[in-house]
Amino acid sequence: MITLFVIGILILSIKFIVLACKATWGMAKALLFIIGLPVILIGLLIAGFISLAAPLLIITLIAVFIWSFAKQY
């Protein structure tokens, strides 16, 4: 009986670790997409790479607005 209990606790622990990794990865992607990418693009804009940064900045802003609108529903 104790063996089954230990096996169950191990399986539960592994599932919690996998869930924590998935949640952390999702939060990191969202944080980088919403904060990191626009900061990099604004840095490119300030540095003078306007021909590269302007189209990427416009695409990123559109994507963020669509993503935030879709997240509401």
PDB file of N, CA and C in Angstrom:
ATOM      1  N   MET A   1       0.823  -1.194   0.000  1.00  0.00           N
ATOM      2  CA  MET A   1       0.000   0.000   0.000  1.00  0.00           C
ATOM      3  C   MET A   1       0.870   1.262   0.000  1.00  0.00           C
ATOM      4  N   ILE A   2       1.944   1.216   0.774  1.00  0.00           N
ATOM      5  CA  ILE A   2       2.845   2.374   0.816  1.00  0.00           C
ATOM      6  C   ILE A   2       3.520   2.570  -0.536  1.00  0.00           C
ATOM      7  N   THR A   3       3.797   1.474  -1.236  1.00  0.00           N
ATOM      8  CA  THR A   3       4.424   1.574  -2.552  1.00  0.00           C
ATOM      9  C   THR A   3       3.517   2.328  -3.517  1.00  0.00           C
ATOM     10  N   LEU A   4       2.234   2.020  -3.505  1.00  0.00           N
ATOM     11  CA  LEU A   4       1.290   2.732  -4.365  1.00  0.00           C
ATOM     12  C   LEU A   4       1.212   4.206  -3.996  1.00  0.00           C
ATOM     13  N   PHE A   5       1.253   4.491  -2.717  1.00  0.00           N
ATOM     14  CA  PHE A   5       1.222   5.876  -2.261  1.00  0.00           C
ATOM     15  C   PHE A   5       2.450   6.637  -2.758  1.00  0.00           C
ATOM     16  N   VAL A   6       3.618   6.036  -2.648  1.00  0.00           N
ATOM     17  CA  VAL A   6       4.858   6.681  -3.092  1.00  0.00           C
ATOM     18  C   VAL A   6       4.838   6.889  -4.603  1.00  0.00           C
ATOM     19  N   ILE A   7       4.384   5.894  -5.344  1.00  0.00           N
ATOM     20  CA  ILE A   7       4.288   6.026  -6.800  1.00  0.00           C
ATOM     21  C   ILE A   7       3.312   7.140  -7.165  1.00  0.00           C
ATOM     22  N   GLY A   8       2.185   7.197  -6.482  1.00  0.00           N
ATOM     23  CA  GLY A   8       1.209   8.256  -6.741  1.00  0.00           C
ATOM     24  C   GLY A   8       1.765   9.640  -6.447  1.00  0.00           C
ATOM     25  N   ILE A   9       2.476   9.778  -5.336  1.00  0.00           N
ATOM     26  CA  ILE A   9       3.080  11.068  -4.990  1.00  0.00           C
ATOM     27  C   ILE A   9       4.132  11.462  -6.022  1.00  0.00           C
ATOM     28  N   LEU A  10       4.926  10.508  -6.491  1.00  0.00           N
ATOM     29  CA  LEU A  10       5.930  10.803  -7.519  1.00  0.00           C
ATOM     30  C   LEU A  10       5.277  11.270  -8.817  1.00  0.00           C
ATOM     31  N   ILE A  11       4.233  10.587  -9.232  1.00  0.00           N
ATOM     32  CA  ILE A  11       3.530  10.975 -10.457  1.00  0.00           C
ATOM     33  C   ILE A  11       2.914  12.361 -10.302  1.00  0.00           C
ATOM     34  N   LEU A  12       2.310  12.618  -9.157  1.00  0.00           N
ATOM     35  CA  LEU A  12       1.715  13.929  -8.909  1.00  0.00           C
ATOM     36  C   LEU A  12       2.774  15.026  -8.906  1.00  0.00           C
ATOM     37  N   SER A  13       3.912  14.752  -8.303  1.00  0.00           N
ATOM     38  CA  SER A  13       5.002  15.730  -8.268  1.00  0.00           C
ATOM     39  C   SER A  13       5.515  16.031  -9.672  1.00  0.00           C
ATOM     40  N   ILE A  14       5.666  15.003 -10.481  1.00  0.00           N
ATOM     41  CA  ILE A  14       6.136  15.197 -11.855  1.00  0.00           C
ATOM     42  C   ILE A  14       5.129  16.013 -12.653  1.00  0.00           C
ATOM     43  N   LYS A  15       3.842  15.741 -12.461  1.00  0.00           N
ATOM     44  CA  LYS A  15       2.822  16.510 -13.176  1.00  0.00           C
ATOM     45  C   LYS A  15       2.833  17.977 -12.749  1.00  0.00           C
ATOM     46  N   PHE A  16       3.047  18.235 -11.461  1.00  0.00           N
ATOM     47  CA  PHE A  16       3.132  19.619 -10.995  1.00  0.00           C
ATOM     48  C   PHE A  16       4.350  20.326 -11.568  1.00  0.00           C
ATOM     49  N   ILE A  17       5.465  19.622 -11.681  1.00  0.00           N
ATOM     50  CA  ILE A  17       6.674  20.215 -12.259  1.00  0.00           C
ATOM     51  C   ILE A  17       6.452  20.545 -13.732  1.00  0.00           C
ATOM     52  N   VAL A  18       5.818  19.646 -14.463  1.00  0.00           N
ATOM     53  CA  VAL A  18       5.520  19.893 -15.878  1.00  0.00           C
ATOM     54  C   VAL A  18       4.573  21.081 -16.017  1.00  0.00           C
ATOM     55  N   LEU A  19       3.563  21.153 -15.168  1.00  0.00           N
ATOM     56  CA  LEU A  19       2.629  22.275 -15.206  1.00  0.00           C
ATOM     57  C   LEU A  19       3.339  23.593 -14.908  1.00  0.00           C
ATOM     58  N   ALA A  20       4.242  23.589 -13.939  1.00  0.00           N
ATOM     59  CA  ALA A  20       4.992  24.798 -13.602  1.00  0.00           C
ATOM     60  C   ALA A  20       5.870  25.239 -14.769  1.00  0.00           C
ATOM     61  N   CYS A  21       6.494  24.289 -15.451  1.00  0.00           N
ATOM     62  CA  CYS A  21       7.332  24.631 -16.609  1.00  0.00           C
ATOM     63  C   CYS A  21       6.493  25.214 -17.744  1.00  0.00           C
ATOM     64  N   LYS A  22       5.331  24.633 -17.988  1.00  0.00           N
ATOM     65  CA  LYS A  22       4.456  25.153 -19.042  1.00  0.00           C
ATOM     66  C   LYS A  22       3.971  26.562 -18.705  1.00  0.00           C
ATOM     67  N   ALA A  23       3.593  26.785 -17.458  1.00  0.00           N
ATOM     68  CA  ALA A  23       3.114  28.105 -17.050  1.00  0.00           C
ATOM     69  C   ALA A  23       4.230  29.138 -17.142  1.00  0.00           C
ATOM     70  N   THR A  24       5.427  28.767 -16.709  1.00  0.00           N
ATOM     71  CA  THR A  24       6.560  29.688 -16.773  1.00  0.00           C
ATOM     72  C   THR A  24       6.903  30.024 -18.211  1.00  0.00           C
ATOM     73  N   TRP A  25       6.895  29.041 -19.093  1.00  0.00           N
ATOM     74  CA  TRP A  25       7.205  29.271 -20.488  1.00  0.00           C
ATOM     75  C   TRP A  25       6.143  30.183 -21.125  1.00  0.00           C
ATOM     76  N   GLY A  26       4.881  29.968 -20.802  1.00  0.00           N
ATOM     77  CA  GLY A  26       3.823  30.818 -21.346  1.00  0.00           C
ATOM     78  C   GLY A  26       3.938  32.255 -20.873  1.00  0.00           C
ATOM     79  N   MET A  27       4.239  32.448 -19.591  1.00  0.00           N
ATOM     80  CA  MET A  27       4.400  33.810 -19.076  1.00  0.00           C
ATOM     81  C   MET A  27       5.622  34.489 -19.679  1.00  0.00           C
ATOM     82  N   ALA A  28       6.701  33.744 -19.869  1.00  0.00           N
ATOM     83  CA  ALA A  28       7.912  34.320 -20.457  1.00  0.00           C
ATOM     84  C   ALA A  28       7.662  34.746 -21.902  1.00  0.00           C
ATOM     85  N   LYS A  29       6.936  33.931 -22.659  1.00  0.00           N
ATOM     86  CA  LYS A  29       6.623  34.293 -24.042  1.00  0.00           C
ATOM     87  C   LYS A  29       5.758  35.545 -24.090  1.00  0.00           C
ATOM     88  N   ALA A  30       4.746  35.599 -23.242  1.00  0.00           N
ATOM     89  CA  ALA A  30       3.857  36.759 -23.233  1.00  0.00           C
ATOM     90  C   ALA A  30       4.610  38.015 -22.822  1.00  0.00           C
ATOM     91  N   LEU A  31       5.450  37.908 -21.806  1.00  0.00           N
ATOM     92  CA  LEU A  31       6.212  39.063 -21.336  1.00  0.00           C
ATOM     93  C   LEU A  31       7.166  39.552 -22.413  1.00  0.00           C
ATOM     94  N   LEU A  32       7.854  38.641 -23.076  1.00  0.00           N
ATOM     95  CA  LEU A  32       8.781  39.032 -24.127  1.00  0.00           C
ATOM     96  C   LEU A  32       8.038  39.633 -25.313  1.00  0.00           C
ATOM     97  N   PHE A  33       6.894  39.071 -25.655  1.00  0.00           N
ATOM     98  CA  PHE A  33       6.145  39.566 -26.812  1.00  0.00           C
ATOM     99  C   PHE A  33       5.555  40.944 -26.544  1.00  0.00           C
ATOM    100  N   ILE A  34       5.042  41.169 -25.336  1.00  0.00           N
ATOM    101  CA  ILE A  34       4.362  42.429 -25.043  1.00  0.00           C
ATOM    102  C   ILE A  34       5.337  43.524 -24.626  1.00  0.00           C
ATOM    103  N   ILE A  35       6.395  43.177 -23.890  1.00  0.00           N
ATOM    104  CA  ILE A  35       7.315  44.199 -23.383  1.00  0.00           C
ATOM    105  C   ILE A  35       8.642  44.184 -24.138  1.00  0.00           C
ATOM    106  N   GLY A  36       9.236  43.017 -24.298  1.00  0.00           N
ATOM    107  CA  GLY A  36      10.580  42.931 -24.858  1.00  0.00           C
ATOM    108  C   GLY A  36      10.686  43.354 -26.308  1.00  0.00           C
ATOM    109  N   LEU A  37       9.824  42.841 -27.161  1.00  0.00           N
ATOM    110  CA  LEU A  37       9.906  43.151 -28.584  1.00  0.00           C
ATOM    111  C   LEU A  37       9.674  44.632 -28.881  1.00  0.00           C
ATOM    112  N   PRO A  38       8.659  45.283 -28.314  1.00  0.00           N
ATOM    113  CA  PRO A  38       8.521  46.718 -28.563  1.00  0.00           C
ATOM    114  C   PRO A  38       9.706  47.537 -28.049  1.00  0.00           C
ATOM    115  N   VAL A  39      10.297  47.141 -26.922  1.00  0.00           N
ATOM    116  CA  VAL A  39      11.465  47.868 -26.406  1.00  0.00           C
ATOM    117  C   VAL A  39      12.634  47.739 -27.379  1.00  0.00           C
ATOM    118  N   ILE A  40      12.850  46.551 -27.916  1.00  0.00           N
ATOM    119  CA  ILE A  40      13.918  46.355 -28.901  1.00  0.00           C
ATOM    120  C   ILE A  40      13.653  47.196 -30.147  1.00  0.00           C
ATOM    121  N   LEU A  41      12.410  47.216 -30.596  1.00  0.00           N
ATOM    122  CA  LEU A  41      12.081  47.981 -31.798  1.00  0.00           C
ATOM    123  C   LEU A  41      12.213  49.479 -31.573  1.00  0.00           C
ATOM    124  N   ILE A  42      11.834  49.963 -30.407  1.00  0.00           N
ATOM    125  CA  ILE A  42      12.002  51.388 -30.105  1.00  0.00           C
ATOM    126  C   ILE A  42      13.485  51.727 -30.013  1.00  0.00           C
ATOM    127  N   GLY A  43      14.283  50.807 -29.469  1.00  0.00           N
ATOM    128  CA  GLY A  43      15.735  51.006 -29.448  1.00  0.00           C
ATOM    129  C   GLY A  43      16.305  51.101 -30.854  1.00  0.00           C
ATOM    130  N   LEU A  44      15.837  50.254 -31.772  1.00  0.00           N
ATOM    131  CA  LEU A  44      16.264  50.344 -33.167  1.00  0.00           C
ATOM    132  C   LEU A  44      15.862  51.681 -33.776  1.00  0.00           C
ATOM    133  N   LEU A  45      14.672  52.139 -33.438  1.00  0.00           N
ATOM    134  CA  LEU A  45      14.187  53.413 -33.957  1.00  0.00           C
ATOM    135  C   LEU A  45      15.069  54.558 -33.481  1.00  0.00           C
ATOM    136  N   ILE A  46      15.424  54.554 -32.196  1.00  0.00           N
ATOM    137  CA  ILE A  46      16.275  55.603 -31.634  1.00  0.00           C
ATOM    138  C   ILE A  46      17.687  55.516 -32.219  1.00  0.00           C
ATOM    139  N   ALA A  47      18.186  54.303 -32.442  1.00  0.00           N
ATOM    140  CA  ALA A  47      19.537  54.125 -32.963  1.00  0.00           C
ATOM    141  C   ALA A  47      19.660  54.553 -34.428  1.00  0.00           C
ATOM    142  N   GLY A  48      18.559  54.732 -35.102  1.00  0.00           N
ATOM    143  CA  GLY A  48      18.618  55.237 -36.463  1.00  0.00           C
ATOM    144  C   GLY A  48      18.281  54.219 -37.536  1.00  0.00           C
ATOM    145  N   PHE A  49      17.907  53.033 -37.147  1.00  0.00           N
ATOM    146  CA  PHE A  49      17.546  52.027 -38.135  1.00  0.00           C
ATOM    147  C   PHE A  49      16.058  52.142 -38.464  1.00  0.00           C
ATOM    148  N   ILE A  50      15.648  53.335 -38.895  1.00  0.00           N
ATOM    149  CA  ILE A  50      14.232  53.611 -39.130  1.00  0.00           C
ATOM    150  C   ILE A  50      13.669  52.722 -40.241  1.00  0.00           C
ATOM    151  N   SER A  51      14.479  52.435 -41.258  1.00  0.00           N
ATOM    152  CA  SER A  51      13.973  51.629 -42.372  1.00  0.00           C
ATOM    153  C   SER A  51      13.686  50.189 -41.939  1.00  0.00           C
ATOM    154  N   LEU A  52      14.383  49.715 -40.908  1.00  0.00           N
ATOM    155  CA  LEU A  52      14.138  48.369 -40.398  1.00  0.00           C
ATOM    156  C   LEU A  52      13.104  48.376 -39.277  1.00  0.00           C
ATOM    157  N   ALA A  53      13.167  49.382 -38.423  1.00  0.00           N
ATOM    158  CA  ALA A  53      12.344  49.381 -37.216  1.00  0.00           C
ATOM    159  C   ALA A  53      10.891  49.779 -37.474  1.00  0.00           C
ATOM    160  N   ALA A  54      10.651  50.711 -38.378  1.00  0.00           N
ATOM    161  CA  ALA A  54       9.289  51.216 -38.572  1.00  0.00           C
ATOM    162  C   ALA A  54       8.312  50.120 -39.019  1.00  0.00           C
ATOM    163  N   PRO A  55       8.614  49.334 -40.051  1.00  0.00           N
ATOM    164  CA  PRO A  55       7.661  48.277 -40.427  1.00  0.00           C
ATOM    165  C   PRO A  55       7.478  47.223 -39.334  1.00  0.00           C
ATOM    166  N   LEU A  56       8.577  46.854 -38.663  1.00  0.00           N
ATOM    167  CA  LEU A  56       8.467  45.872 -37.588  1.00  0.00           C
ATOM    168  C   LEU A  56       7.656  46.413 -36.420  1.00  0.00           C
ATOM    169  N   LEU A  57       7.823  47.699 -36.123  1.00  0.00           N
ATOM    170  CA  LEU A  57       7.070  48.316 -35.034  1.00  0.00           C
ATOM    171  C   LEU A  57       5.577  48.345 -35.352  1.00  0.00           C
ATOM    172  N   ILE A  58       5.237  48.665 -36.580  1.00  0.00           N
ATOM    173  CA  ILE A  58       3.830  48.698 -36.986  1.00  0.00           C
ATOM    174  C   ILE A  58       3.220  47.294 -36.905  1.00  0.00           C
ATOM    175  N   ILE A  59       3.941  46.298 -37.403  1.00  0.00           N
ATOM    176  CA  ILE A  59       3.443  44.918 -37.350  1.00  0.00           C
ATOM    177  C   ILE A  59       3.272  44.461 -35.909  1.00  0.00           C
ATOM    178  N   THR A  60       4.235  44.806 -35.050  1.00  0.00           N
ATOM    179  CA  THR A  60       4.153  44.416 -33.639  1.00  0.00           C
ATOM    180  C   THR A  60       2.975  45.081 -32.942  1.00  0.00           C
ATOM    181  N   LEU A  61       2.768  46.361 -33.189  1.00  0.00           N
ATOM    182  CA  LEU A  61       1.642  47.061 -32.563  1.00  0.00           C
ATOM    183  C   LEU A  61       0.310  46.462 -33.002  1.00  0.00           C
ATOM    184  N   ILE A  62       0.178  46.151 -34.278  1.00  0.00           N
ATOM    185  CA  ILE A  62      -1.052  45.526 -34.767  1.00  0.00           C
ATOM    186  C   ILE A  62      -1.254  44.164 -34.105  1.00  0.00           C
ATOM    187  N   ALA A  63      -0.178  43.381 -34.009  1.00  0.00           N
ATOM    188  CA  ALA A  63      -0.278  42.054 -33.394  1.00  0.00           C
ATOM    189  C   ALA A  63      -0.663  42.149 -31.923  1.00  0.00           C
ATOM    190  N   VAL A  64      -0.097  43.120 -31.197  1.00  0.00           N
ATOM    191  CA  VAL A  64      -0.424  43.282 -29.774  1.00  0.00           C
ATOM    192  C   VAL A  64      -1.878  43.684 -29.599  1.00  0.00           C
ATOM    193  N   PHE A  65      -2.366  44.592 -30.430  1.00  0.00           N
ATOM    194  CA  PHE A  65      -3.765  45.003 -30.323  1.00  0.00           C
ATOM    195  C   PHE A  65      -4.704  43.842 -30.644  1.00  0.00           C
ATOM    196  N   ILE A  66      -4.388  43.074 -31.677  1.00  0.00           N
ATOM    197  CA  ILE A  66      -5.228  41.923 -32.026  1.00  0.00           C
ATOM    198  C   ILE A  66      -5.193  40.894 -30.909  1.00  0.00           C
ATOM    199  N   TRP A  67      -3.998  40.643 -30.350  1.00  0.00           N
ATOM    200  CA  TRP A  67      -3.857  39.648 -29.285  1.00  0.00           C
ATOM    201  C   TRP A  67      -4.602  40.082 -28.028  1.00  0.00           C
ATOM    202  N   SER A  68      -4.517  41.365 -27.671  1.00  0.00           N
ATOM    203  CA  SER A  68      -5.222  41.821 -26.472  1.00  0.00           C
ATOM    204  C   SER A  68      -6.736  41.824 -26.695  1.00  0.00           C
ATOM    205  N   PHE A  69      -7.178  42.122 -27.907  1.00  0.00           N
ATOM    206  CA  PHE A  69      -8.607  42.091 -28.200  1.00  0.00           C
ATOM    207  C   PHE A  69      -9.125  40.656 -28.182  1.00  0.00           C
ATOM    208  N   ALA A  70      -8.350  39.729 -28.754  1.00  0.00           N
ATOM    209  CA  ALA A  70      -8.769  38.326 -28.788  1.00  0.00           C
ATOM    210  C   ALA A  70      -8.753  37.714 -27.392  1.00  0.00           C
ATOM    211  N   LYS A  71      -7.890  38.200 -26.525  1.00  0.00           N
ATOM    212  CA  LYS A  71      -7.792  37.652 -25.176  1.00  0.00           C
ATOM    213  C   LYS A  71      -9.023  38.011 -24.338  1.00  0.00           C
ATOM    214  N   GLN A  72      -9.705  39.093 -24.666  1.00  0.00           N
ATOM    215  CA  GLN A  72     -10.896  39.495 -23.924  1.00  0.00           C
ATOM    216  C   GLN A  72     -12.036  38.509 -24.145  1.00  0.00           C
ATOM    217  N   TYR A  73     -12.074  37.877 -25.299  1.00  0.00           N
ATOM    218  CA  TYR A  73     -13.173  36.970 -25.631  1.00  0.00           C
ATOM    219  C   TYR A  73     -12.693  35.596 -25.647  1.00  0.00           C
TER     220      TYR A  73
END
